[in-house]
Amino acid sequence: KDGVQGNLQDSIDFTLSNFVEMNKLWVRLQHQGKS
């Protein structure tokens, strides 16, 4: 259903977006600090 309470597609978008951002941060950890 469409509406302010959201639907399954909104949950998928939310979780996928969070995954992408977390993975980017996780990968960036490898390049912090001294070699």
All heavy atoms as atom14 arrays in JSON, in Angstrom:
{
  "sequence": "KDGVQGNLQDSIDFTLSNFVEMNKLWVRLQHQGKS",
  "atom14_mask": [
    [1, 1, 1, 1, 1, 1, 1, 1, 1, 0, 0, 0, 0, 0],
    [1, 1, 1, 1, 1, 1, 1, 1, 0, 0, 0, 0, 0, 0],
    [1, 1, 1, 1, 0, 0, 0, 0, 0, 0, 0, 0, 0, 0],
    [1, 1, 1, 1, 1, 1, 1, 0, 0, 0, 0, 0, 0, 0],
    [1, 1, 1, 1, 1, 1, 1, 1, 1, 0, 0, 0, 0, 0],
    [1, 1, 1, 1, 0, 0, 0, 0, 0, 0, 0, 0, 0, 0],
    [1, 1, 1, 1, 1, 1, 1, 1, 0, 0, 0, 0, 0, 0],
    [1, 1, 1, 1, 1, 1, 1, 1, 0, 0, 0, 0, 0, 0],
    [1, 1, 1, 1, 1, 1, 1, 1, 1, 0, 0, 0, 0, 0],
    [1, 1, 1, 1, 1, 1, 1, 1, 0, 0, 0, 0, 0, 0],
    [1, 1, 1, 1, 1, 1, 0, 0, 0, 0, 0, 0, 0, 0],
    [1, 1, 1, 1, 1, 1, 1, 1, 0, 0, 0, 0, 0, 0],
    [1, 1, 1, 1, 1, 1, 1, 1, 0, 0, 0, 0, 0, 0],
    [1, 1, 1, 1, 1, 1, 1, 1, 1, 1, 1, 0, 0, 0],
    [1, 1, 1, 1, 1, 1, 1, 0, 0, 0, 0, 0, 0, 0],
    [1, 1, 1, 1, 1, 1, 1, 1, 0, 0, 0, 0, 0, 0],
    [1, 1, 1, 1, 1, 1, 0, 0, 0, 0, 0, 0, 0, 0],
    [1, 1, 1, 1, 1, 1, 1, 1, 0, 0, 0, 0, 0, 0],
    [1, 1, 1, 1, 1, 1, 1, 1, 1, 1, 1, 0, 0, 0],
    [1, 1, 1, 1, 1, 1, 1, 0, 0, 0, 0, 0, 0, 0],
    [1, 1, 1, 1, 1, 1, 1, 1, 1, 0, 0, 0, 0, 0],
    [1, 1, 1, 1, 1, 1, 1, 1, 0, 0, 0, 0, 0, 0],
    [1, 1, 1, 1, 1, 1, 1, 1, 0, 0, 0, 0, 0, 0],
    [1, 1, 1, 1, 1, 1, 1, 1, 1, 0, 0, 0, 0, 0],
    [1, 1, 1, 1, 1, 1, 1, 1, 0, 0, 0, 0, 0, 0],
    [1, 1, 1, 1, 1, 1, 1, 1, 1, 1, 1, 1, 1, 1],
    [1, 1, 1, 1, 1, 1, 1, 0, 0, 0, 0, 0, 0, 0],
    [1, 1, 1, 1, 1, 1, 1, 1, 1, 1, 1, 0, 0, 0],
    [1, 1, 1, 1, 1, 1, 1, 1, 0, 0, 0, 0, 0, 0],
    [1, 1, 1, 1, 1, 1, 1, 1, 1, 0, 0, 0, 0, 0],
    [1, 1, 1, 1, 1, 1, 1, 1, 1, 1, 0, 0, 0, 0],
    [1, 1, 1, 1, 1, 1, 1, 1, 1, 0, 0, 0, 0, 0],
    [1, 1, 1, 1, 0, 0, 0, 0, 0, 0, 0, 0, 0, 0],
    [1, 1, 1, 1, 1, 1, 1, 1, 1, 0, 0, 0, 0, 0],
    [1, 1, 1, 1, 1, 1, 0, 0, 0, 0, 0, 0, 0, 0]
  ],
  "atom14_positions": [
    [[0.82, -1.2, 0.0], [0.0, 0.0, 0.0], [0.87, 1.26, 0.0], [1.9, 1.31, 0.65], [-0.92, 0.02, 1.23], [-1.97, -1.09, 1.22], [-2.87, -0.98, 2.45], [-3.93, -2.07, 2.44], [-4.8, -1.98, 3.63], [0.0, 0.0, 0.0], [0.0, 0.0, 0.0], [0.0, 0.0, 0.0], [0.0, 0.0, 0.0], [0.0, 0.0, 0.0]],
    [[0.42, 2.25, -0.74], [1.1, 3.54, -0.71], [0.58, 4.36, 0.46], [-0.57, 4.22, 0.87], [0.86, 4.3, -2.02], [1.55, 3.63, -3.2], [2.62, 3.05, -2.98], [1.0, 3.69, -4.32], [0.0, 0.0, 0.0], [0.0, 0.0, 0.0], [0.0, 0.0, 0.0], [0.0, 0.0, 0.0], [0.0, 0.0, 0.0], [0.0, 0.0, 0.0]],
    [[1.41, 5.22, 0.99], [0.97, 6.06, 2.1], [2.12, 6.4, 3.01], [3.26, 5.97, 2.83], [0.0, 0.0, 0.0], [0.0, 0.0, 0.0], [0.0, 0.0, 0.0], [0.0, 0.0, 0.0], [0.0, 0.0, 0.0], [0.0, 0.0, 0.0], [0.0, 0.0, 0.0], [0.0, 0.0, 0.0], [0.0, 0.0, 0.0], [0.0, 0.0, 0.0]],
    [[1.82, 7.18, 4.03], [2.86, 7.69, 4.93], [3.5, 6.59, 5.76], [4.61, 6.77, 6.28], [2.28, 8.78, 5.86], [1.84, 9.99, 5.08], [1.14, 8.23, 6.71], [0.0, 0.0, 0.0], [0.0, 0.0, 0.0], [0.0, 0.0, 0.0], [0.0, 0.0, 0.0], [0.0, 0.0, 0.0], [0.0, 0.0, 0.0], [0.0, 0.0, 0.0]],
    [[2.8, 5.47, 5.91], [3.36, 4.39, 6.73], [4.32, 3.5, 5.96], [4.95, 2.63, 6.55], [2.22, 3.56, 7.33], [1.43, 4.34, 8.4], [0.44, 3.46, 9.11], [-0.46, 2.91, 8.49], [0.6, 3.33, 10.42], [0.0, 0.0, 0.0], [0.0, 0.0, 0.0], [0.0, 0.0, 0.0], [0.0, 0.0, 0.0], [0.0, 0.0, 0.0]],
    [[4.45, 3.74, 4.65], [5.44, 3.01, 3.87], [4.99, 1.61, 3.49], [3.94, 1.12, 3.92], [0.0, 0.0, 0.0], [0.0, 0.0, 0.0], [0.0, 0.0, 0.0], [0.0, 0.0, 0.0], [0.0, 0.0, 0.0], [0.0, 0.0, 0.0], [0.0, 0.0, 0.0], [0.0, 0.0, 0.0], [0.0, 0.0, 0.0], [0.0, 0.0, 0.0]],
    [[5.82, 0.95, 2.69], [5.51, -0.41, 2.24], [6.81, -1.21, 2.13], [7.89, -0.73, 2.49], [4.75, -0.39, 0.92], [5.48, 0.42, -0.16], [6.7, 0.4, -0.24], [4.73, 1.15, -0.97], [0.0, 0.0, 0.0], [0.0, 0.0, 0.0], [0.0, 0.0, 0.0], [0.0, 0.0, 0.0], [0.0, 0.0, 0.0], [0.0, 0.0, 0.0]],
    [[6.68, -2.43, 1.6], [7.83, -3.31, 1.5], [8.94, -2.71, 0.65], [10.13, -2.83, 0.98], [7.39, -4.66, 0.91], [8.5, -5.69, 0.67], [9.22, -6.05, 1.97], [7.93, -6.94, 0.02], [0.0, 0.0, 0.0], [0.0, 0.0, 0.0], [0.0, 0.0, 0.0], [0.0, 0.0, 0.0], [0.0, 0.0, 0.0], [0.0, 0.0, 0.0]],
    [[8.58, -2.05, -0.44], [9.58, -1.47, -1.31], [10.39, -0.4, -0.58], [11.61, -0.28, -0.78], [8.94, -0.87, -2.55], [9.92, -0.45, -3.64], [10.79, -1.6, -4.11], [10.28, -2.64, -4.52], [12.11, -1.45, -4.05], [0.0, 0.0, 0.0], [0.0, 0.0, 0.0], [0.0, 0.0, 0.0], [0.0, 0.0, 0.0], [0.0, 0.0, 0.0]],
    [[9.74, 0.36, 0.28], [10.45, 1.36, 1.08], [11.45, 0.71, 2.02], [12.57, 1.22, 2.22], [9.45, 2.19, 1.89], [8.53, 3.02, 1.01], [9.03, 3.6, 0.02], [7.33, 3.08, 1.3], [0.0, 0.0, 0.0], [0.0, 0.0, 0.0], [0.0, 0.0, 0.0], [0.0, 0.0, 0.0], [0.0, 0.0, 0.0], [0.0, 0.0, 0.0]],
    [[11.06, -0.43, 2.6], [11.96, -1.15, 3.51], [13.16, -1.71, 2.77], [14.28, -1.69, 3.28], [11.19, -2.29, 4.2], [10.16, -1.77, 5.02], [0.0, 0.0, 0.0], [0.0, 0.0, 0.0], [0.0, 0.0, 0.0], [0.0, 0.0, 0.0], [0.0, 0.0, 0.0], [0.0, 0.0, 0.0], [0.0, 0.0, 0.0], [0.0, 0.0, 0.0]],
    [[12.92, -2.2, 1.55], [14.03, -2.72, 0.74], [15.0, -1.61, 0.39], [16.22, -1.76, 0.52], [13.49, -3.39, -0.54], [12.7, -4.65, -0.19], [14.63, -3.74, -1.5], [11.98, -5.28, -1.36], [0.0, 0.0, 0.0], [0.0, 0.0, 0.0], [0.0, 0.0, 0.0], [0.0, 0.0, 0.0], [0.0, 0.0, 0.0], [0.0, 0.0, 0.0]],
    [[14.44, -0.47, -0.07], [15.29, 0.68, -0.41], [16.11, 1.15, 0.79], [17.3, 1.45, 0.67], [14.43, 1.83, -0.93], [13.79, 1.52, -2.27], [14.26, 0.6, -2.96], [12.79, 2.2, -2.63], [0.0, 0.0, 0.0], [0.0, 0.0, 0.0], [0.0, 0.0, 0.0], [0.0, 0.0, 0.0], [0.0, 0.0, 0.0], [0.0, 0.0, 0.0]],
    [[15.46, 1.21, 1.93], [16.1, 1.65, 3.17], [17.27, 0.73, 3.54], [18.39, 1.19, 3.82], [15.05, 1.67, 4.29], [15.58, 2.02, 5.65], [15.74, 3.35, 6.02], [15.88, 1.03, 6.57], [16.22, 3.68, 7.3], [16.35, 1.34, 7.83], [16.52, 2.67, 8.2], [0.0, 0.0, 0.0], [0.0, 0.0, 0.0], [0.0, 0.0, 0.0]],
    [[17.02, -0.57, 3.51], [18.03, -1.54, 3.92], [19.17, -1.61, 2.92], [20.35, -1.7, 3.3], [17.4, -2.93, 4.11], [16.25, -2.82, 4.96], [18.39, -3.89, 4.74], [0.0, 0.0, 0.0], [0.0, 0.0, 0.0], [0.0, 0.0, 0.0], [0.0, 0.0, 0.0], [0.0, 0.0, 0.0], [0.0, 0.0, 0.0], [0.0, 0.0, 0.0]],
    [[18.85, -1.59, 1.63], [19.9, -1.61, 0.61], [20.78, -0.37, 0.69], [22.0, -0.45, 0.56], [19.27, -1.72, -0.79], [18.82, -3.1, -1.23], [18.06, -3.02, -2.55], [20.0, -4.06, -1.36], [0.0, 0.0, 0.0], [0.0, 0.0, 0.0], [0.0, 0.0, 0.0], [0.0, 0.0, 0.0], [0.0, 0.0, 0.0], [0.0, 0.0, 0.0]],
    [[20.15, 0.78, 0.9], [20.9, 2.03, 1.01], [21.83, 1.99, 2.22], [23.0, 2.39, 2.14], [19.94, 3.21, 1.13], [20.64, 4.42, 1.27], [0.0, 0.0, 0.0], [0.0, 0.0, 0.0], [0.0, 0.0, 0.0], [0.0, 0.0, 0.0], [0.0, 0.0, 0.0], [0.0, 0.0, 0.0], [0.0, 0.0, 0.0], [0.0, 0.0, 0.0]],
    [[21.33, 1.46, 3.33], [22.16, 1.36, 4.53], [23.32, 0.4, 4.3], [24.46, 0.64, 4.74], [21.32, 0.89, 5.71], [21.96, 1.22, 7.05], [22.39, 2.35, 7.28], [22.03, 0.25, 7.92], [0.0, 0.0, 0.0], [0.0, 0.0, 0.0], [0.0, 0.0, 0.0], [0.0, 0.0, 0.0], [0.0, 0.0, 0.0], [0.0, 0.0, 0.0]],
    [[23.05, -0.69, 3.59], [24.11, -1.65, 3.27], [25.21, -1.01, 2.43], [26.4, -1.18, 2.72], [23.51, -2.85, 2.52], [24.53, -3.66, 1.78], [25.43, -4.47, 2.45], [24.62, -3.59, 0.39], [26.39, -5.21, 1.77], [25.57, -4.32, -0.3], [26.46, -5.13, 0.39], [0.0, 0.0, 0.0], [0.0, 0.0, 0.0], [0.0, 0.0, 0.0]],
    [[24.82, -0.3, 1.4], [25.8, 0.33, 0.51], [26.69, 1.3, 1.29], [27.92, 1.29, 1.15], [25.1, 1.06, -0.66], [26.1, 1.92, -1.43], [24.44, 0.05, -1.59], [0.0, 0.0, 0.0], [0.0, 0.0, 0.0], [0.0, 0.0, 0.0], [0.0, 0.0, 0.0], [0.0, 0.0, 0.0], [0.0, 0.0, 0.0], [0.0, 0.0, 0.0]],
    [[26.08, 2.14, 2.12], [26.85, 3.11, 2.88], [27.75, 2.45, 3.91], [28.9, 2.87, 4.12], [25.9, 4.11, 3.57], [25.11, 4.99, 2.6], [26.01, 5.8, 1.68], [27.05, 6.3, 2.15], [25.69, 5.91, 0.48], [0.0, 0.0, 0.0], [0.0, 0.0, 0.0], [0.0, 0.0, 0.0], [0.0, 0.0, 0.0], [0.0, 0.0, 0.0]],
    [[27.24, 1.39, 4.56], [28.07, 0.7, 5.55], [29.25, 0.0, 4.89], [30.36, -0.02, 5.43], [27.21, -0.32, 6.32], [26.28, 0.31, 7.34], [25.39, -0.93, 8.32], [26.69, -1.55, 9.38], [0.0, 0.0, 0.0], [0.0, 0.0, 0.0], [0.0, 0.0, 0.0], [0.0, 0.0, 0.0], [0.0, 0.0, 0.0], [0.0, 0.0, 0.0]],
    [[29.01, -0.58, 3.73], [30.1, -1.26, 3.05], [31.19, -0.27, 2.62], [32.38, -0.57, 2.72], [29.57, -2.02, 1.82], [30.6, -2.95, 1.24], [31.24, -3.71, 1.95], [30.79, -2.88, -0.08], [0.0, 0.0, 0.0], [0.0, 0.0, 0.0], [0.0, 0.0, 0.0], [0.0, 0.0, 0.0], [0.0, 0.0, 0.0], [0.0, 0.0, 0.0]],
    [[30.78, 0.9, 2.18], [31.75, 1.93, 1.8], [32.61, 2.34, 3.0], [33.83, 2.5, 2.89], [31.04, 3.15, 1.22], [30.43, 2.93, -0.15], [29.7, 4.17, -0.63], [29.09, 3.96, -2.01], [28.32, 5.14, -2.47], [0.0, 0.0, 0.0], [0.0, 0.0, 0.0], [0.0, 0.0, 0.0], [0.0, 0.0, 0.0], [0.0, 0.0, 0.0]],
    [[31.96, 2.5, 4.14], [32.69, 2.88, 5.36], [33.62, 1.76, 5.8], [34.77, 2.0, 6.2], [31.69, 3.2, 6.48], [30.84, 4.45, 6.29], [29.7, 4.47, 7.3], [31.69, 5.71, 6.44], [0.0, 0.0, 0.0], [0.0, 0.0, 0.0], [0.0, 0.0, 0.0], [0.0, 0.0, 0.0], [0.0, 0.0, 0.0], [0.0, 0.0, 0.0]],
    [[33.13, 0.53, 5.68], [33.93, -0.64, 6.08], [35.17, -0.78, 5.2], [36.27, -1.04, 5.69], [33.05, -1.88, 5.98], [33.68, -3.15, 6.48], [34.39, -3.32, 7.63], [33.63, -4.43, 5.84], [34.79, -4.64, 7.74], [34.33, -5.34, 6.67], [33.06, -4.9, 4.66], [34.48, -6.68, 6.34], [33.2, -6.24, 4.35], [33.9, -7.12, 5.18]],
    [[35.0, -0.57, 3.91], [36.15, -0.64, 2.99], [37.12, 0.49, 3.28], [38.35, 0.3, 3.24], [35.65, -0.57, 1.53], [36.83, -0.4, 0.57], [34.86, -1.83, 1.17], [0.0, 0.0, 0.0], [0.0, 0.0, 0.0], [0.0, 0.0, 0.0], [0.0, 0.0, 0.0], [0.0, 0.0, 0.0], [0.0, 0.0, 0.0], [0.0, 0.0, 0.0]],
    [[36.59, 1.66, 3.61], [37.45, 2.82, 3.87], [38.35, 2.59, 5.09], [39.43, 3.18, 5.2], [36.59, 4.06, 4.09], [37.37, 5.37, 3.93], [36.47, 6.57, 4.17], [35.35, 6.55, 3.25], [34.22, 7.25, 3.44], [34.07, 7.99, 4.53], [33.25, 7.2, 2.55], [0.0, 0.0, 0.0], [0.0, 0.0, 0.0], [0.0, 0.0, 0.0]],
    [[37.91, 1.74, 6.01], [38.73, 1.44, 7.19], [40.11, 0.9, 6.79], [41.1, 1.13, 7.49], [38.03, 0.39, 8.06], [37.1, 0.87, 9.16], [36.41, -0.3, 9.82], [37.86, 1.68, 10.2], [0.0, 0.0, 0.0], [0.0, 0.0, 0.0], [0.0, 0.0, 0.0], [0.0, 0.0, 0.0], [0.0, 0.0, 0.0], [0.0, 0.0, 0.0]],
    [[40.15, 0.19, 5.67], [41.4, -0.43, 5.22], [42.46, 0.62, 4.87], [43.65, 0.34, 4.92], [41.13, -1.32, 4.0], [42.3, -2.17, 3.56], [42.66, -3.24, 4.59], [41.81, -3.95, 5.08], [43.95, -3.34, 4.92], [0.0, 0.0, 0.0], [0.0, 0.0, 0.0], [0.0, 0.0, 0.0], [0.0, 0.0, 0.0], [0.0, 0.0, 0.0]],
    [[42.01, 1.81, 4.55], [42.92, 2.83, 4.05], [43.2, 3.93, 5.07], [43.72, 4.99, 4.72], [42.35, 3.44, 2.77], [41.98, 2.41, 1.74], [42.93, 1.67, 1.06], [40.77, 1.96, 1.32], [42.32, 0.83, 0.24], [41.01, 0.98, 0.37], [0.0, 0.0, 0.0], [0.0, 0.0, 0.0], [0.0, 0.0, 0.0], [0.0, 0.0, 0.0]],
    [[42.84, 3.67, 6.33], [43.12, 4.62, 7.4], [44.47, 4.32, 8.03], [44.92, 3.17, 8.07], [42.03, 4.55, 8.47], [40.63, 4.84, 7.95], [40.46, 6.27, 7.49], [40.68, 7.2, 8.25], [40.07, 6.44, 6.23], [0.0, 0.0, 0.0], [0.0, 0.0, 0.0], [0.0, 0.0, 0.0], [0.0, 0.0, 0.0], [0.0, 0.0, 0.0]],
    [[45.13, 5.33, 8.56], [46.35, 5.13, 9.32], [47.58, 4.87, 8.47], [47.61, 5.1, 7.26], [0.0, 0.0, 0.0], [0.0, 0.0, 0.0], [0.0, 0.0, 0.0], [0.0, 0.0, 0.0], [0.0, 0.0, 0.0], [0.0, 0.0, 0.0], [0.0, 0.0, 0.0], [0.0, 0.0, 0.0], [0.0, 0.0, 0.0], [0.0, 0.0, 0.0]],
    [[48.6, 4.34, 9.12], [49.91, 4.13, 8.49], [49.93, 2.84, 7.68], [49.25, 1.88, 8.0], [51.01, 4.09, 9.55], [51.08, 5.36, 10.4], [52.12, 5.23, 11.49], [52.19, 6.48, 12.35], [53.18, 6.35, 13.45], [0.0, 0.0, 0.0], [0.0, 0.0, 0.0], [0.0, 0.0, 0.0], [0.0, 0.0, 0.0], [0.0, 0.0, 0.0]],
    [[50.77, 2.83, 6.65], [50.86, 1.66, 5.77], [51.39, 0.44, 6.51], [51.02, -0.69, 6.21], [51.76, 1.97, 4.57], [53.05, 2.37, 4.99], [0.0, 0.0, 0.0], [0.0, 0.0, 0.0], [0.0, 0.0, 0.0], [0.0, 0.0, 0.0], [0.0, 0.0, 0.0], [0.0, 0.0, 0.0], [0.0, 0.0, 0.0], [0.0, 0.0, 0.0]]
  ]
}
